[in-house]
Amino acid sequence: MIDPVGMVLGAVTDRPLDLAAHEAAVGDRRAGAVVSFQGVVRDHDHGRAVTRLEYEGHPSAEAVLREVAAEITADPAVYAVAVSHRIGPLEIGDVALVAAVSTAHRAAAFDACARLVDEVKARLPIWKRQVFDDGTEEWVNCP
């Protein structure tokens, strides 16, 4: 069911994320485009080998996620948004962020999905701990 702001699926969770479920959630008979994005844990960062990550979220993270989704769905071209971020320990290849947007036309869908991902990354109070192959670690986006 679509809520009043057009966000049909959204969560901050410690469970694996399902891209297909997010794409299906934004399905709309009016939509000529569904654009989606997966943020995947990679094995390197700034020339250093990464072995694993851990995401830690503030209790307000899901509310912030909903605020961002509401802003994107305020665009009259956007029919629906689904966005989720994973927290907890993740391995290389795991999906950390999933976003999907539906619109009438592809250009608007690509634009809206890019704005959604950029705003989530900029505003979501989630911090990332990277563990490197030499045993050192680093916190990213930590205030």
C-alpha atoms as a PDB file:
ATOM      1  CA  MET A   1       0.000   0.000   0.000  1.00  0.00           C
ATOM      2  CA  ILE A   2       1.323   3.461  -0.872  1.00  0.00           C
ATOM      3  CA  ASP A   3       1.433   5.886   2.026  1.00  0.00           C
ATOM      4  CA  PRO A   4       0.523   9.562   1.528  1.00  0.00           C
ATOM      5  CA  VAL A   5       4.082  10.542   0.627  1.00  0.00           C
ATOM      6  CA  GLY A   6       4.507   7.845  -2.017  1.00  0.00           C
ATOM      7  CA  MET A   7       7.034   5.783  -0.092  1.00  0.00           C
ATOM      8  CA  VAL A   8       5.925   2.198  -0.445  1.00  0.00           C
ATOM      9  CA  LEU A   9       8.865   0.474   1.194  1.00  0.00           C
ATOM     10  CA  GLY A  10      11.545   1.829   3.448  1.00  0.00           C
ATOM     11  CA  ALA A  11      13.564   0.576   6.346  1.00  0.00           C
ATOM     12  CA  VAL A  12      16.774   0.691   8.281  1.00  0.00           C
ATOM     13  CA  THR A  13      17.368  -2.971   9.020  1.00  0.00           C
ATOM     14  CA  ASP A  14      19.964  -5.568   9.902  1.00  0.00           C
ATOM     15  CA  ARG A  15      18.461  -8.006   7.381  1.00  0.00           C
ATOM     16  CA  PRO A  16      19.676  -8.503   3.789  1.00  0.00           C
ATOM     17  CA  LEU A  17      18.100  -6.099   1.282  1.00  0.00           C
ATOM     18  CA  ASP A  18      16.071  -7.278  -1.710  1.00  0.00           C
ATOM     19  CA  LEU A  19      16.380  -5.167  -4.872  1.00  0.00           C
ATOM     20  CA  ALA A  20      13.550  -6.998  -6.667  1.00  0.00           C
ATOM     21  CA  ALA A  21      11.171  -6.322  -3.772  1.00  0.00           C
ATOM     22  CA  HIS A  22      11.980  -2.618  -3.910  1.00  0.00           C
ATOM     23  CA  GLU A  23      11.462  -2.505  -7.679  1.00  0.00           C
ATOM     24  CA  ALA A  24       8.144  -4.361  -7.380  1.00  0.00           C
ATOM     25  CA  ALA A  25       7.020  -2.050  -4.582  1.00  0.00           C
ATOM     26  CA  VAL A  26       7.248   1.045  -6.800  1.00  0.00           C
ATOM     27  CA  GLY A  27       5.372  -0.571  -9.678  1.00  0.00           C
ATOM     28  CA  ASP A  28       2.628   1.654 -11.011  1.00  0.00           C
ATOM     29  CA  ARG A  29       0.466   1.300 -14.126  1.00  0.00           C
ATOM     30  CA  ARG A  30       1.307   4.905 -15.051  1.00  0.00           C
ATOM     31  CA  ALA A  31       5.054   4.306 -14.823  1.00  0.00           C
ATOM     32  CA  GLY A  32       7.107   3.992 -17.965  1.00  0.00           C
ATOM     33  CA  ALA A  33      10.312   3.811 -15.944  1.00  0.00           C
ATOM     34  CA  VAL A  34      11.574   2.178 -12.798  1.00  0.00           C
ATOM     35  CA  VAL A  35      15.160   2.994 -11.918  1.00  0.00           C
ATOM     36  CA  SER A  36      16.942   1.256  -9.078  1.00  0.00           C
ATOM     37  CA  PHE A  37      20.289   1.371  -7.322  1.00  0.00           C
ATOM     38  CA  GLN A  38      22.249  -1.014  -5.111  1.00  0.00           C
ATOM     39  CA  GLY A  39      25.136   0.175  -2.971  1.00  0.00           C
ATOM     40  CA  VAL A  40      27.405  -2.868  -2.653  1.00  0.00           C
ATOM     41  CA  VAL A  41      30.267  -3.360  -0.194  1.00  0.00           C
ATOM     42  CA  ARG A  42      33.495  -3.256  -2.210  1.00  0.00           C
ATOM     43  CA  ASP A  43      36.880  -4.706  -1.338  1.00  0.00           C
ATOM     44  CA  HIS A  44      38.814  -1.422  -1.360  1.00  0.00           C
ATOM     45  CA  ASP A  45      38.670   2.214  -0.348  1.00  0.00           C
ATOM     46  CA  HIS A  46      41.200   4.894  -1.294  1.00  0.00           C
ATOM     47  CA  GLY A  47      43.788   2.320  -2.331  1.00  0.00           C
ATOM     48  CA  ARG A  48      43.435   0.167   0.791  1.00  0.00           C
ATOM     49  CA  ALA A  49      42.052  -3.370   0.885  1.00  0.00           C
ATOM     50  CA  VAL A  50      38.804  -3.622   2.887  1.00  0.00           C
ATOM     51  CA  THR A  51      37.852  -6.957   4.456  1.00  0.00           C
ATOM     52  CA  ARG A  52      34.485  -6.028   5.976  1.00  0.00           C
ATOM     53  CA  LEU A  53      32.241  -3.176   7.110  1.00  0.00           C
ATOM     54  CA  GLU A  54      29.901  -2.468   9.950  1.00  0.00           C
ATOM     55  CA  TYR A  55      27.156   0.137   9.796  1.00  0.00           C
ATOM     56  CA  GLU A  56      25.794   1.691  12.964  1.00  0.00           C
ATOM     57  CA  GLY A  57      22.626   3.770  12.850  1.00  0.00           C
ATOM     58  CA  HIS A  58      21.174   6.411  15.124  1.00  0.00           C
ATOM     59  CA  PRO A  59      17.632   5.639  16.376  1.00  0.00           C
ATOM     60  CA  SER A  60      16.344   8.498  14.179  1.00  0.00           C
ATOM     61  CA  ALA A  61      17.773   6.973  10.970  1.00  0.00           C
ATOM     62  CA  GLU A  62      14.499   5.509   9.705  1.00  0.00           C
ATOM     63  CA  ALA A  63      12.638   8.784  10.334  1.00  0.00           C
ATOM     64  CA  VAL A  64      15.316  10.642   8.362  1.00  0.00           C
ATOM     65  CA  LEU A  65      15.022   8.053   5.588  1.00  0.00           C
ATOM     66  CA  ARG A  66      11.274   8.746   5.426  1.00  0.00           C
ATOM     67  CA  GLU A  67      11.871  12.515   5.331  1.00  0.00           C
ATOM     68  CA  VAL A  68      14.217  12.129   2.380  1.00  0.00           C
ATOM     69  CA  ALA A  69      11.727   9.869   0.583  1.00  0.00           C
ATOM     70  CA  ALA A  70       8.941  12.404   1.206  1.00  0.00           C
ATOM     71  CA  GLU A  71      11.053  15.147  -0.361  1.00  0.00           C
ATOM     72  CA  ILE A  72      11.734  13.048  -3.459  1.00  0.00           C
ATOM     73  CA  THR A  73       8.086  12.049  -3.830  1.00  0.00           C
ATOM     74  CA  ALA A  74       7.054  15.699  -3.544  1.00  0.00           C
ATOM     75  CA  ASP A  75       8.272  15.951  -7.136  1.00  0.00           C
ATOM     76  CA  PRO A  76       5.082  15.576  -9.205  1.00  0.00           C
ATOM     77  CA  ALA A  77       6.981  13.426 -11.726  1.00  0.00           C
ATOM     78  CA  VAL A  78       7.661  10.762  -9.073  1.00  0.00           C
ATOM     79  CA  TYR A  79       5.020   8.085  -8.517  1.00  0.00           C
ATOM     80  CA  ALA A  80       6.664   6.011  -5.801  1.00  0.00           C
ATOM     81  CA  VAL A  81       9.902   5.535  -3.876  1.00  0.00           C
ATOM     82  CA  ALA A  82      11.317   2.529  -2.045  1.00  0.00           C
ATOM     83  CA  VAL A  83      14.559   2.881  -0.121  1.00  0.00           C
ATOM     84  CA  SER A  84      16.285   0.859   2.606  1.00  0.00           C
ATOM     85  CA  HIS A  85      19.673   0.886   4.316  1.00  0.00           C
ATOM     86  CA  ARG A  86      21.278  -2.027   6.081  1.00  0.00           C
ATOM     87  CA  ILE A  87      23.050  -1.800   9.438  1.00  0.00           C
ATOM     88  CA  GLY A  88      25.243  -4.252  11.301  1.00  0.00           C
ATOM     89  CA  PRO A  89      28.182  -6.283   9.993  1.00  0.00           C
ATOM     90  CA  LEU A  90      28.441  -6.679   6.215  1.00  0.00           C
ATOM     91  CA  GLU A  91      30.851  -8.672   4.082  1.00  0.00           C
ATOM     92  CA  ILE A  92      32.330  -7.823   0.690  1.00  0.00           C
ATOM     93  CA  GLY A  93      29.565  -8.117  -1.917  1.00  0.00           C
ATOM     94  CA  ASP A  94      26.701  -7.505   0.533  1.00  0.00           C
ATOM     95  CA  VAL A  95      24.155  -4.832  -0.360  1.00  0.00           C
ATOM     96  CA  ALA A  96      24.152  -1.849   2.013  1.00  0.00           C
ATOM     97  CA  LEU A  97      21.648   0.455   0.278  1.00  0.00           C
ATOM     98  CA  VAL A  98      18.766  -0.178  -2.109  1.00  0.00           C
ATOM     99  CA  ALA A  99      16.664   2.498  -3.800  1.00  0.00           C
ATOM    100  CA  ALA A 100      13.963   2.334  -6.476  1.00  0.00           C
ATOM    101  CA  VAL A 101      11.876   5.083  -8.056  1.00  0.00           C
ATOM    102  CA  SER A 102       9.029   5.026 -10.573  1.00  0.00           C
ATOM    103  CA  THR A 103       8.071   7.838 -12.945  1.00  0.00           C
ATOM    104  CA  ALA A 104       6.442   8.204 -16.347  1.00  0.00           C
ATOM    105  CA  HIS A 105       9.736   8.700 -18.193  1.00  0.00           C
ATOM    106  CA  ARG A 106      13.298   7.412 -17.807  1.00  0.00           C
ATOM    107  CA  ALA A 107      15.099  10.754 -17.479  1.00  0.00           C
ATOM    108  CA  ALA A 108      12.939  11.738 -14.520  1.00  0.00           C
ATOM    109  CA  ALA A 109      13.419   8.302 -12.934  1.00  0.00           C
ATOM    110  CA  PHE A 110      17.222   8.438 -13.261  1.00  0.00           C
ATOM    111  CA  ASP A 111      17.257  11.972 -11.850  1.00  0.00           C
ATOM    112  CA  ALA A 112      14.962  11.128  -8.931  1.00  0.00           C
ATOM    113  CA  CYS A 113      16.876   7.972  -8.026  1.00  0.00           C
ATOM    114  CA  ALA A 114      20.195   9.840  -8.101  1.00  0.00           C
ATOM    115  CA  ARG A 115      18.765  12.591  -5.878  1.00  0.00           C
ATOM    116  CA  LEU A 116      17.364   9.966  -3.500  1.00  0.00           C
ATOM    117  CA  VAL A 117      20.696   8.149  -3.137  1.00  0.00           C
ATOM    118  CA  ASP A 118      22.665  11.399  -2.785  1.00  0.00           C
ATOM    119  CA  GLU A 119      20.337  12.741  -0.083  1.00  0.00           C
ATOM    120  CA  VAL A 120      20.293   9.456   1.837  1.00  0.00           C
ATOM    121  CA  LYS A 121      24.103   9.337   1.815  1.00  0.00           C
ATOM    122  CA  ALA A 122      24.337  13.000   2.865  1.00  0.00           C
ATOM    123  CA  ARG A 123      21.735  13.008   5.630  1.00  0.00           C
ATOM    124  CA  LEU A 124      21.166   9.559   7.054  1.00  0.00           C
ATOM    125  CA  PRO A 125      22.697   9.271  10.536  1.00  0.00           C
ATOM    126  CA  ILE A 126      24.478   6.009   9.804  1.00  0.00           C
ATOM    127  CA  TRP A 127      28.200   5.547  10.367  1.00  0.00           C
ATOM    128  CA  LYS A 128      30.456   3.054   8.648  1.00  0.00           C
ATOM    129  CA  ARG A 129      33.371   1.225  10.263  1.00  0.00           C
ATOM    130  CA  GLN A 130      35.751  -0.159   7.663  1.00  0.00           C
ATOM    131  CA  VAL A 131      38.169  -2.934   8.578  1.00  0.00           C
ATOM    132  CA  PHE A 132      41.279  -3.142   6.420  1.00  0.00           C
ATOM    133  CA  ASP A 133      43.380  -6.189   5.558  1.00  0.00           C
ATOM    134  CA  ASP A 134      46.215  -4.964   7.805  1.00  0.00           C
ATOM    135  CA  GLY A 135      43.884  -5.080  10.844  1.00  0.00           C
ATOM    136  CA  THR A 136      43.418  -1.317  11.122  1.00  0.00           C
ATOM    137  CA  GLU A 137      39.989   0.274  10.974  1.00  0.00           C
ATOM    138  CA  GLU A 138      38.400   3.600  10.185  1.00  0.00           C
ATOM    139  CA  TRP A 139      35.056   5.213  10.947  1.00  0.00           C
ATOM    140  CA  VAL A 140      33.499   7.099   8.025  1.00  0.00           C
ATOM    141  CA  ASN A 141      30.808   9.791   8.271  1.00  0.00           C
ATOM    142  CA  CYS A 142      31.286   9.866  12.029  1.00  0.00           C
ATOM    143  CA  PRO A 143      30.449  13.268  13.542  1.00  0.00           C
END
